[in-house]
PDB file of N, CA and C in Angstrom:
ATOM      1  N   MET A   1       2.841 -10.844 -16.637  1.00  0.00           N
ATOM      2  CA  MET A   1       2.350  -9.694 -15.907  1.00  0.00           C
ATOM      3  C   MET A   1       3.069  -8.455 -16.414  1.00  0.00           C
ATOM      4  N   ASP A   2       2.356  -7.390 -16.555  1.00  0.00           N
ATOM      5  CA  ASP A   2       2.902  -6.137 -17.056  1.00  0.00           C
ATOM      6  C   ASP A   2       3.951  -5.620 -16.077  1.00  0.00           C
ATOM      7  N   GLY A   3       5.207  -5.566 -16.506  1.00  0.00           N
ATOM      8  CA  GLY A   3       6.300  -5.144 -15.642  1.00  0.00           C
ATOM      9  C   GLY A   3       6.234  -3.690 -15.233  1.00  0.00           C
ATOM     10  N   ASP A   4       5.424  -2.886 -15.944  1.00  0.00           N
ATOM     11  CA  ASP A   4       5.336  -1.458 -15.638  1.00  0.00           C
ATOM     12  C   ASP A   4       4.371  -1.151 -14.493  1.00  0.00           C
ATOM     13  N   VAL A   5       3.539  -2.096 -14.131  1.00  0.00           N
ATOM     14  CA  VAL A   5       2.526  -1.851 -13.101  1.00  0.00           C
ATOM     15  C   VAL A   5       2.919  -2.593 -11.822  1.00  0.00           C
ATOM     16  N   ASP A   6       3.002  -1.859 -10.723  1.00  0.00           N
ATOM     17  CA  ASP A   6       3.352  -2.455  -9.431  1.00  0.00           C
ATOM     18  C   ASP A   6       2.058  -2.800  -8.683  1.00  0.00           C
ATOM     19  N   TYR A   7       1.495  -3.955  -9.016  1.00  0.00           N
ATOM     20  CA  TYR A   7       0.215  -4.361  -8.439  1.00  0.00           C
ATOM     21  C   TYR A   7       0.295  -4.521  -6.927  1.00  0.00           C
ATOM     22  N   ASP A   8       1.421  -4.985  -6.431  1.00  0.00           N
ATOM     23  CA  ASP A   8       1.581  -5.132  -4.981  1.00  0.00           C
ATOM     24  C   ASP A   8       1.435  -3.787  -4.270  1.00  0.00           C
ATOM     25  N   SER A   9       2.118  -2.770  -4.767  1.00  0.00           N
ATOM     26  CA  SER A   9       2.034  -1.441  -4.141  1.00  0.00           C
ATOM     27  C   SER A   9       0.625  -0.870  -4.222  1.00  0.00           C
ATOM     28  N   ILE A  10      -0.034  -1.062  -5.360  1.00  0.00           N
ATOM     29  CA  ILE A  10      -1.402  -0.569  -5.508  1.00  0.00           C
ATOM     30  C   ILE A  10      -2.306  -1.218  -4.464  1.00  0.00           C
ATOM     31  N   CYS A  11      -2.226  -2.526  -4.332  1.00  0.00           N
ATOM     32  CA  CYS A  11      -3.052  -3.247  -3.355  1.00  0.00           C
ATOM     33  C   CYS A  11      -2.713  -2.840  -1.925  1.00  0.00           C
ATOM     34  N   GLN A  12      -1.428  -2.728  -1.631  1.00  0.00           N
ATOM     35  CA  GLN A  12      -1.015  -2.327  -0.286  1.00  0.00           C
ATOM     36  C   GLN A  12      -1.527  -0.931   0.065  1.00  0.00           C
ATOM     37  N   ASN A  13      -1.501  -0.023  -0.891  1.00  0.00           N
ATOM     38  CA  ASN A  13      -1.999   1.336  -0.651  1.00  0.00           C
ATOM     39  C   ASN A  13      -3.506   1.344  -0.435  1.00  0.00           C
ATOM     40  N   ILE A  14      -4.231   0.576  -1.223  1.00  0.00           N
ATOM     41  CA  ILE A  14      -5.684   0.480  -1.049  1.00  0.00           C
ATOM     42  C   ILE A  14      -6.003  -0.052   0.345  1.00  0.00           C
ATOM     43  N   ILE A  15      -5.331  -1.114   0.744  1.00  0.00           N
ATOM     44  CA  ILE A  15      -5.573  -1.728   2.053  1.00  0.00           C
ATOM     45  C   ILE A  15      -5.225  -0.765   3.181  1.00  0.00           C
ATOM     46  N   ALA A  16      -4.094  -0.080   3.072  1.00  0.00           N
ATOM     47  CA  ALA A  16      -3.687   0.854   4.131  1.00  0.00           C
ATOM     48  C   ALA A  16      -4.729   1.951   4.296  1.00  0.00           C
ATOM     49  N   GLU A  17      -5.193   2.502   3.188  1.00  0.00           N
ATOM     50  CA  GLU A  17      -6.194   3.575   3.268  1.00  0.00           C
ATOM     51  C   GLU A  17      -7.530   3.037   3.790  1.00  0.00           C
ATOM     52  N   PHE A  18      -7.952   1.878   3.294  1.00  0.00           N
ATOM     53  CA  PHE A  18      -9.213   1.294   3.751  1.00  0.00           C
ATOM     54  C   PHE A  18      -9.173   1.012   5.248  1.00  0.00           C
ATOM     55  N   ASP A  19      -8.108   0.346   5.697  1.00  0.00           N
ATOM     56  CA  ASP A  19      -8.006  -0.022   7.114  1.00  0.00           C
ATOM     57  C   ASP A  19      -7.993   1.201   8.026  1.00  0.00           C
ATOM     58  N   MET A  20      -7.434   2.299   7.562  1.00  0.00           N
ATOM     59  CA  MET A  20      -7.413   3.515   8.364  1.00  0.00           C
ATOM     60  C   MET A  20      -8.795   4.184   8.361  1.00  0.00           C
ATOM     61  N   GLU A  21      -9.389   4.313   7.202  1.00  0.00           N
ATOM     62  CA  GLU A  21     -10.668   5.021   7.078  1.00  0.00           C
ATOM     63  C   GLU A  21     -11.834   4.256   7.697  1.00  0.00           C
ATOM     64  N   VAL A  22     -11.816   2.936   7.628  1.00  0.00           N
ATOM     65  CA  VAL A  22     -12.949   2.151   8.140  1.00  0.00           C
ATOM     66  C   VAL A  22     -13.077   2.266   9.657  1.00  0.00           C
ATOM     67  N   LEU A  23     -11.994   2.593  10.338  1.00  0.00           N
ATOM     68  CA  LEU A  23     -12.031   2.711  11.796  1.00  0.00           C
ATOM     69  C   LEU A  23     -12.952   3.833  12.261  1.00  0.00           C
ATOM     70  N   LYS A  24     -13.237   4.785  11.390  1.00  0.00           N
ATOM     71  CA  LYS A  24     -14.139   5.889  11.724  1.00  0.00           C
ATOM     72  C   LYS A  24     -15.556   5.397  12.030  1.00  0.00           C
ATOM     73  N   TYR A  25     -15.879   4.207  11.568  1.00  0.00           N
ATOM     74  CA  TYR A  25     -17.233   3.673  11.730  1.00  0.00           C
ATOM     75  C   TYR A  25     -17.380   2.813  12.982  1.00  0.00           C
ATOM     76  N   PHE A  26     -16.340   2.707  13.776  1.00  0.00           N
ATOM     77  CA  PHE A  26     -16.362   1.913  15.001  1.00  0.00           C
ATOM     78  C   PHE A  26     -16.020   2.798  16.196  1.00  0.00           C
ATOM     79  N   ASN A  27     -16.505   2.407  17.367  1.00  0.00           N
ATOM     80  CA  ASN A  27     -16.149   3.193  18.547  1.00  0.00           C
ATOM     81  C   ASN A  27     -14.748   2.795  19.027  1.00  0.00           C
ATOM     82  N   ASP A  28     -14.181   3.627  19.901  1.00  0.00           N
ATOM     83  CA  ASP A  28     -12.801   3.418  20.358  1.00  0.00           C
ATOM     84  C   ASP A  28     -12.613   2.071  21.042  1.00  0.00           C
ATOM     85  N   GLU A  29     -13.602   1.633  21.799  1.00  0.00           N
ATOM     86  CA  GLU A  29     -13.503   0.351  22.509  1.00  0.00           C
ATOM     87  C   GLU A  29     -13.402  -0.812  21.529  1.00  0.00           C
ATOM     88  N   ASP A  30     -14.233  -0.803  20.492  1.00  0.00           N
ATOM     89  CA  ASP A  30     -14.188  -1.871  19.490  1.00  0.00           C
ATOM     90  C   ASP A  30     -12.859  -1.868  18.742  1.00  0.00           C
ATOM     91  N   VAL A  31     -12.372  -0.679  18.405  1.00  0.00           N
ATOM     92  CA  VAL A  31     -11.092  -0.572  17.699  1.00  0.00           C
ATOM     93  C   VAL A  31      -9.969  -1.113  18.565  1.00  0.00           C
ATOM     94  N   GLU A  32      -9.991  -0.788  19.849  1.00  0.00           N
ATOM     95  CA  GLU A  32      -8.945  -1.261  20.760  1.00  0.00           C
ATOM     96  C   GLU A  32      -8.966  -2.785  20.882  1.00  0.00           C
ATOM     97  N   LYS A  33     -10.169  -3.363  20.957  1.00  0.00           N
ATOM     98  CA  LYS A  33     -10.304  -4.823  21.041  1.00  0.00           C
ATOM     99  C   LYS A  33      -9.998  -5.504  19.711  1.00  0.00           C
ATOM    100  N   GLY A  34     -10.332  -4.815  18.618  1.00  0.00           N
ATOM    101  CA  GLY A  34     -10.126  -5.395  17.294  1.00  0.00           C
ATOM    102  C   GLY A  34     -11.302  -6.222  16.807  1.00  0.00           C
ATOM    103  N   TYR A  35     -12.414  -6.141  17.515  1.00  0.00           N
ATOM    104  CA  TYR A  35     -13.618  -6.876  17.118  1.00  0.00           C
ATOM    105  C   TYR A  35     -14.847  -6.234  17.752  1.00  0.00           C
ATOM    106  N   LEU A  36     -16.018  -6.659  17.264  1.00  0.00           N
ATOM    107  CA  LEU A  36     -17.299  -6.196  17.799  1.00  0.00           C
ATOM    108  C   LEU A  36     -17.917  -7.287  18.649  1.00  0.00           C
ATOM    109  N   GLU A  37     -18.634  -6.892  19.666  1.00  0.00           N
ATOM    110  CA  GLU A  37     -19.435  -7.829  20.459  1.00  0.00           C
ATOM    111  C   GLU A  37     -20.893  -7.438  20.267  1.00  0.00           C
ATOM    112  N   VAL A  38     -21.707  -8.391  19.799  1.00  0.00           N
ATOM    113  CA  VAL A  38     -23.110  -8.125  19.498  1.00  0.00           C
ATOM    114  C   VAL A  38     -23.953  -9.253  20.067  1.00  0.00           C
ATOM    115  N   LYS A  39     -25.044  -8.882  20.722  1.00  0.00           N
ATOM    116  CA  LYS A  39     -25.960  -9.905  21.226  1.00  0.00           C
ATOM    117  C   LYS A  39     -26.804 -10.441  20.077  1.00  0.00           C
ATOM    118  N   ASN A  40     -26.905 -11.766  20.020  1.00  0.00           N
ATOM    119  CA  ASN A  40     -27.747 -12.374  19.002  1.00  0.00           C
ATOM    120  C   ASN A  40     -29.188 -12.482  19.497  1.00  0.00           C
ATOM    121  N   ARG A  41     -30.054 -13.119  18.730  1.00  0.00           N
ATOM    122  CA  ARG A  41     -31.476 -13.225  19.087  1.00  0.00           C
ATOM    123  C   ARG A  41     -31.711 -13.970  20.392  1.00  0.00           C
ATOM    124  N   LYS A  42     -30.779 -14.827  20.742  1.00  0.00           N
ATOM    125  CA  LYS A  42     -30.899 -15.610  21.980  1.00  0.00           C
ATOM    126  C   LYS A  42     -30.334 -14.861  23.179  1.00  0.00           C
ATOM    127  N   GLY A  43     -29.836 -13.651  22.951  1.00  0.00           N
ATOM    128  CA  GLY A  43     -29.257 -12.869  24.033  1.00  0.00           C
ATOM    129  C   GLY A  43     -27.812 -13.223  24.336  1.00  0.00           C
ATOM    130  N   GLU A  44     -27.232 -14.107  23.524  1.00  0.00           N
ATOM    131  CA  GLU A  44     -25.831 -14.492  23.707  1.00  0.00           C
ATOM    132  C   GLU A  44     -24.936 -13.518  22.936  1.00  0.00           C
ATOM    133  N   VAL A  45     -23.757 -13.284  23.461  1.00  0.00           N
ATOM    134  CA  VAL A  45     -22.832 -12.349  22.819  1.00  0.00           C
ATOM    135  C   VAL A  45     -21.994 -13.088  21.774  1.00  0.00           C
ATOM    136  N   ASP A  46     -22.050 -12.587  20.553  1.00  0.00           N
ATOM    137  CA  ASP A  46     -21.217 -13.087  19.461  1.00  0.00           C
ATOM    138  C   ASP A  46     -20.148 -12.049  19.166  1.00  0.00           C
ATOM    139  N   THR A  47     -19.003 -12.503  18.686  1.00  0.00           N
ATOM    140  CA  THR A  47     -17.946 -11.567  18.313  1.00  0.00           C
ATOM    141  C   THR A  47     -17.720 -11.627  16.802  1.00  0.00           C
ATOM    142  N   PHE A  48     -17.432 -10.467  16.240  1.00  0.00           N
ATOM    143  CA  PHE A  48     -17.182 -10.352  14.811  1.00  0.00           C
ATOM    144  C   PHE A  48     -15.960  -9.477  14.597  1.00  0.00           C
ATOM    145  N   PRO A  49     -15.101  -9.859  13.642  1.00  0.00           N
ATOM    146  CA  PRO A  49     -13.932  -9.016  13.367  1.00  0.00           C
ATOM    147  C   PRO A  49     -14.368  -7.687  12.767  1.00  0.00           C
ATOM    148  N   LEU A  50     -13.521  -6.681  12.900  1.00  0.00           N
ATOM    149  CA  LEU A  50     -13.796  -5.398  12.257  1.00  0.00           C
ATOM    150  C   LEU A  50     -13.798  -5.595  10.745  1.00  0.00           C
ATOM    151  N   THR A  51     -14.464  -4.692  10.053  1.00  0.00           N
ATOM    152  CA  THR A  51     -14.588  -4.783   8.599  1.00  0.00           C
ATOM    153  C   THR A  51     -13.210  -4.747   7.941  1.00  0.00           C
ATOM    154  N   SER A  52     -13.044  -5.610   6.956  1.00  0.00           N
ATOM    155  CA  SER A  52     -11.787  -5.666   6.216  1.00  0.00           C
ATOM    156  C   SER A  52     -12.101  -5.728   4.725  1.00  0.00           C
ATOM    157  N   ILE A  53     -11.065  -5.667   3.931  1.00  0.00           N
ATOM    158  CA  ILE A  53     -11.219  -5.720   2.473  1.00  0.00           C
ATOM    159  C   ILE A  53     -10.350  -6.838   1.925  1.00  0.00           C
ATOM    160  N   SER A  54     -10.876  -7.558   0.941  1.00  0.00           N
ATOM    161  CA  SER A  54     -10.124  -8.598   0.239  1.00  0.00           C
ATOM    162  C   SER A  54     -10.082  -8.226  -1.234  1.00  0.00           C
ATOM    163  N   ILE A  55      -8.892  -8.235  -1.801  1.00  0.00           N
ATOM    164  CA  ILE A  55      -8.704  -7.833  -3.188  1.00  0.00           C
ATOM    165  C   ILE A  55      -8.129  -9.007  -3.976  1.00  0.00           C
ATOM    166  N   GLY A  56      -8.746  -9.284  -5.110  1.00  0.00           N
ATOM    167  CA  GLY A  56      -8.229 -10.282  -6.043  1.00  0.00           C
ATOM    168  C   GLY A  56      -7.850  -9.581  -7.331  1.00  0.00           C
ATOM    169  N   VAL A  57      -6.628  -9.797  -7.803  1.00  0.00           N
ATOM    170  CA  VAL A  57      -6.133  -9.122  -9.004  1.00  0.00           C
ATOM    171  C   VAL A  57      -5.910 -10.160 -10.107  1.00  0.00           C
ATOM    172  N   VAL A  58      -6.482  -9.869 -11.264  1.00  0.00           N
ATOM    173  CA  VAL A  58      -6.273 -10.696 -12.450  1.00  0.00           C
ATOM    174  C   VAL A  58      -5.764  -9.776 -13.555  1.00  0.00           C
ATOM    175  N   VAL A  59      -4.605 -10.100 -14.089  1.00  0.00           N
ATOM    176  CA  VAL A  59      -4.053  -9.328 -15.196  1.00  0.00           C
ATOM    177  C   VAL A  59      -4.524  -9.998 -16.483  1.00  0.00           C
ATOM    178  N   ALA A  60      -5.358  -9.286 -17.229  1.00  0.00           N
ATOM    179  CA  ALA A  60      -5.955  -9.847 -18.449  1.00  0.00           C
ATOM    180  C   ALA A  60      -5.092  -9.508 -19.658  1.00  0.00           C
ATOM    181  N   ASP A  61      -3.907 -10.127 -19.704  1.00  0.00           N
ATOM    182  CA  ASP A  61      -3.010  -9.913 -20.842  1.00  0.00           C
ATOM    183  C   ASP A  61      -3.678 -10.385 -22.134  1.00  0.00           C
ATOM    184  N   GLU A  62      -3.257  -9.779 -23.205  1.00  0.00           N
ATOM    185  CA  GLU A  62      -3.790 -10.141 -24.519  1.00  0.00           C
ATOM    186  C   GLU A  62      -3.606 -11.635 -24.777  1.00  0.00           C
ATOM    187  N   LYS A  63      -4.620 -12.283 -25.279  1.00  0.00           N
ATOM    188  CA  LYS A  63      -4.635 -13.697 -25.661  1.00  0.00           C
ATOM    189  C   LYS A  63      -4.671 -14.661 -24.481  1.00  0.00           C
ATOM    190  N   ARG A  64      -4.675 -14.165 -23.250  1.00  0.00           N
ATOM    191  CA  ARG A  64      -4.679 -15.079 -22.110  1.00  0.00           C
ATOM    192  C   ARG A  64      -6.052 -15.708 -21.898  1.00  0.00           C
ATOM    193  N   PHE A  65      -7.100 -14.933 -22.114  1.00  0.00           N
ATOM    194  CA  PHE A  65      -8.450 -15.413 -21.858  1.00  0.00           C
ATOM    195  C   PHE A  65      -9.265 -15.418 -23.145  1.00  0.00           C
ATOM    196  N   ALA A  66     -10.101 -16.438 -23.272  1.00  0.00           N
ATOM    197  CA  ALA A  66     -10.959 -16.545 -24.462  1.00  0.00           C
ATOM    198  C   ALA A  66     -12.155 -15.614 -24.364  1.00  0.00           C
ATOM    199  N   ASN A  67     -12.620 -15.351 -23.120  1.00  0.00           N
ATOM    200  CA  ASN A  67     -13.801 -14.499 -22.952  1.00  0.00           C
ATOM    201  C   ASN A  67     -13.851 -13.953 -21.531  1.00  0.00           C
ATOM    202  N   ILE A  68     -14.816 -13.085 -21.299  1.00  0.00           N
ATOM    203  CA  ILE A  68     -14.961 -12.412 -20.002  1.00  0.00           C
ATOM    204  C   ILE A  68     -15.291 -13.402 -18.886  1.00  0.00           C
ATOM    205  N   LEU A  69     -15.971 -14.492 -19.203  1.00  0.00           N
ATOM    206  CA  LEU A  69     -16.312 -15.487 -18.180  1.00  0.00           C
ATOM    207  C   LEU A  69     -15.065 -16.114 -17.578  1.00  0.00           C
ATOM    208  N   GLU A  70     -14.055 -16.367 -18.403  1.00  0.00           N
ATOM    209  CA  GLU A  70     -12.801 -16.934 -17.894  1.00  0.00           C
ATOM    210  C   GLU A  70     -12.122 -15.960 -16.930  1.00  0.00           C
ATOM    211  N   ILE A  71     -12.157 -14.685 -17.251  1.00  0.00           N
ATOM    212  CA  ILE A  71     -11.568 -13.686 -16.356  1.00  0.00           C
ATOM    213  C   ILE A  71     -12.304 -13.706 -15.018  1.00  0.00           C
ATOM    214  N   GLY A  72     -13.636 -13.778 -15.076  1.00  0.00           N
ATOM    215  CA  GLY A  72     -14.436 -13.829 -13.856  1.00  0.00           C
ATOM    216  C   GLY A  72     -14.143 -15.059 -13.016  1.00  0.00           C
ATOM    217  N   GLU A  73     -13.948 -16.195 -13.653  1.00  0.00           N
ATOM    218  CA  GLU A  73     -13.639 -17.433 -12.926  1.00  0.00           C
ATOM    219  C   GLU A  73     -12.301 -17.318 -12.201  1.00  0.00           C
ATOM    220  N   VAL A  74     -11.294 -16.811 -12.891  1.00  0.00           N
ATOM    221  CA  VAL A  74      -9.979 -16.648 -12.261  1.00  0.00           C
ATOM    222  C   VAL A  74     -10.068 -15.597 -11.162  1.00  0.00           C
ATOM    223  N   GLY A  75     -10.828 -14.549 -11.401  1.00  0.00           N
ATOM    224  CA  GLY A  75     -11.016 -13.524 -10.375  1.00  0.00           C
ATOM    225  C   GLY A  75     -11.629 -14.090  -9.109  1.00  0.00           C
ATOM    226  N   ALA A  76     -12.617 -14.959  -9.261  1.00  0.00           N
ATOM    227  CA  ALA A  76     -13.249 -15.590  -8.094  1.00  0.00           C
ATOM    228  C   ALA A  76     -12.249 -16.458  -7.341  1.00  0.00           C
ATOM    229  N   GLN A  77     -11.394 -17.170  -8.056  1.00  0.00           N
ATOM    230  CA  GLN A  77     -10.378 -18.014  -7.411  1.00  0.00           C
ATOM    231  C   GLN A  77      -9.394 -17.163  -6.604  1.00  0.00           C
ATOM    232  N   VAL A  78      -8.947 -16.077  -7.209  1.00  0.00           N
ATOM    233  CA  VAL A  78      -7.953 -15.228  -6.555  1.00  0.00           C
ATOM    234  C   VAL A  78      -8.557 -14.527  -5.338  1.00  0.00           C
ATOM    235  N   LYS A  79      -9.795 -14.064  -5.472  1.00  0.00           N
ATOM    236  CA  LYS A  79     -10.453 -13.406  -4.339  1.00  0.00           C
ATOM    237  C   LYS A  79     -10.643 -14.403  -3.196  1.00  0.00           C
ATOM    238  N   HIS A  80     -10.977 -15.651  -3.535  1.00  0.00           N
ATOM    239  CA  HIS A  80     -11.115 -16.686  -2.502  1.00  0.00           C
ATOM    240  C   HIS A  80      -9.796 -16.858  -1.745  1.00  0.00           C
ATOM    241  N   LEU A  81      -8.693 -16.857  -2.463  1.00  0.00           N
ATOM    242  CA  LEU A  81      -7.376 -16.954  -1.800  1.00  0.00           C
ATOM    243  C   LEU A  81      -7.154 -15.789  -0.850  1.00  0.00           C
ATOM    244  N   ALA A  82      -7.516 -14.588  -1.290  1.00  0.00           N
ATOM    245  CA  ALA A  82      -7.336 -13.411  -0.435  1.00  0.00           C
ATOM    246  C   ALA A  82      -8.203 -13.516   0.816  1.00  0.00           C
ATOM    247  N   LYS A  83      -9.419 -14.032   0.676  1.00  0.00           N
ATOM    248  CA  LYS A  83     -10.336 -14.119   1.813  1.00  0.00           C
ATOM    249  C   LYS A  83      -9.906 -15.167   2.844  1.00  0.00           C
ATOM    250  N   MET A  84      -8.984 -16.047   2.485  1.00  0.00           N
ATOM    251  CA  MET A  84      -8.512 -17.063   3.426  1.00  0.00           C
ATOM    252  C   MET A  84      -7.630 -16.457   4.513  1.00  0.00           C
ATOM    253  N   THR A  85      -7.171 -15.236   4.293  1.00  0.00           N
ATOM    254  CA  THR A  85      -6.336 -14.532   5.271  1.00  0.00           C
ATOM    255  C   THR A  85      -7.229 -13.659   6.134  1.00  0.00           C
ATOM    256  N   MET A  86      -7.071 -13.725   7.445  1.00  0.00           N
ATOM    257  CA  MET A  86      -7.851 -12.893   8.354  1.00  0.00           C
ATOM    258  C   MET A  86      -7.427 -11.443   8.194  1.00  0.00           C
ATOM    259  N   GLY A  87      -8.382 -10.542   8.178  1.00  0.00           N
ATOM    260  CA  GLY A  87      -8.096  -9.125   8.011  1.00  0.00           C
ATOM    261  C   GLY A  87      -7.983  -8.766   6.543  1.00  0.00           C
ATOM    262  N   SER A  88      -7.605  -7.541   6.283  1.00  0.00           N
ATOM    263  CA  SER A  88      -7.479  -7.070   4.904  1.00  0.00           C
ATOM    264  C   SER A  88      -6.301  -7.754   4.223  1.00  0.00           C
ATOM    265  N   SER A  89      -6.531  -8.165   2.975  1.00  0.00           N
ATOM    266  CA  SER A  89      -5.483  -8.878   2.249  1.00  0.00           C
ATOM    267  C   SER A  89      -5.733  -8.792   0.749  1.00  0.00           C
ATOM    268  N   TYR A  90      -4.748  -9.235   0.003  1.00  0.00           N
ATOM    269  CA  TYR A  90      -4.894  -9.291  -1.445  1.00  0.00           C
ATOM    270  C   TYR A  90      -4.173 -10.507  -1.987  1.00  0.00           C
ATOM    271  N   ALA A  91      -4.582 -10.921  -3.176  1.00  0.00           N
ATOM    272  CA  ALA A  91      -3.918 -12.009  -3.886  1.00  0.00           C
ATOM    273  C   ALA A  91      -3.880 -11.622  -5.361  1.00  0.00           C
ATOM    274  N   ILE A  92      -2.776 -11.932  -6.000  1.00  0.00           N
ATOM    275  CA  ILE A  92      -2.588 -11.596  -7.405  1.00  0.00           C
ATOM    276  C   ILE A  92      -2.368 -12.872  -8.189  1.00  0.00           C
ATOM    277  N   ASP A  93      -3.152 -13.043  -9.249  1.00  0.00           N
ATOM    278  CA  ASP A  93      -2.955 -14.180 -10.148  1.00  0.00           C
ATOM    279  C   ASP A  93      -1.753 -13.859 -11.027  1.00  0.00           C
ATOM    280  N   ARG A  94      -0.652 -14.559 -10.809  1.00  0.00           N
ATOM    281  CA  ARG A  94       0.596 -14.259 -11.516  1.00  0.00           C
ATOM    282  C   ARG A  94       0.863 -15.229 -12.666  1.00  0.00           C
ATOM    283  N   ARG A  95      -0.121 -16.070 -12.981  1.00  0.00           N
ATOM    284  CA  ARG A  95       0.073 -17.021 -14.069  1.00  0.00           C
ATOM    285  C   ARG A  95       0.089 -16.296 -15.418  1.00  0.00           C
ATOM    286  N   LYS A  96       0.823 -16.843 -16.334  1.00  0.00           N
ATOM    287  CA  LYS A  96       0.887 -16.332 -17.704  1.00  0.00           C
ATOM    288  C   LYS A  96       0.007 -17.225 -18.577  1.00  0.00           C
ATOM    289  N   GLU A  97      -0.184 -16.825 -19.807  1.00  0.00           N
ATOM    290  CA  GLU A  97      -0.983 -17.606 -20.749  1.00  0.00           C
ATOM    291  C   GLU A  97      -0.475 -19.037 -20.836  1.00  0.00           C
ATOM    292  N   THR A  98       0.844 -19.223 -20.815  1.00  0.00           N
ATOM    293  CA  THR A  98       1.444 -20.547 -20.968  1.00  0.00           C
ATOM    294  C   THR A  98       1.291 -21.408 -19.721  1.00  0.00           C
ATOM    295  N   ASP A  99       0.944 -20.805 -18.568  1.00  0.00           N
ATOM    296  CA  ASP A  99       0.796 -21.548 -17.312  1.00  0.00           C
ATOM    297  C   ASP A  99      -0.565 -22.215 -17.203  1.00  0.00           C
ATOM    298  N   LEU A 100      -1.524 -21.794 -18.003  1.00  0.00           N
ATOM    299  CA  LEU A 100      -2.902 -22.281 -17.847  1.00  0.00           C
ATOM    300  C   LEU A 100      -3.156 -23.557 -18.567  1.00  0.00           C
TER     301      LEU A 100
END
């Protein structure tokens, strides 16, 4: 991983800004509860979490990947890891060429 780039700080800043700005799209009651209540087609109330962001980071160092498809595959894996956490989150693929 490139030692000059602080991927953790970049992701944390993106999440902090997203989580603050997205609240503008919800009413105060929903923000206070932390979720939405919506009636479904059957008239039953379903709850949904407020919108969040999941970030997957793949560092495409020289010689690590044979092609763009490999980068996409690793990106999908990392994003899946981030989505396993409730709310906004990120995951960084920290493997090196020799780890694969």
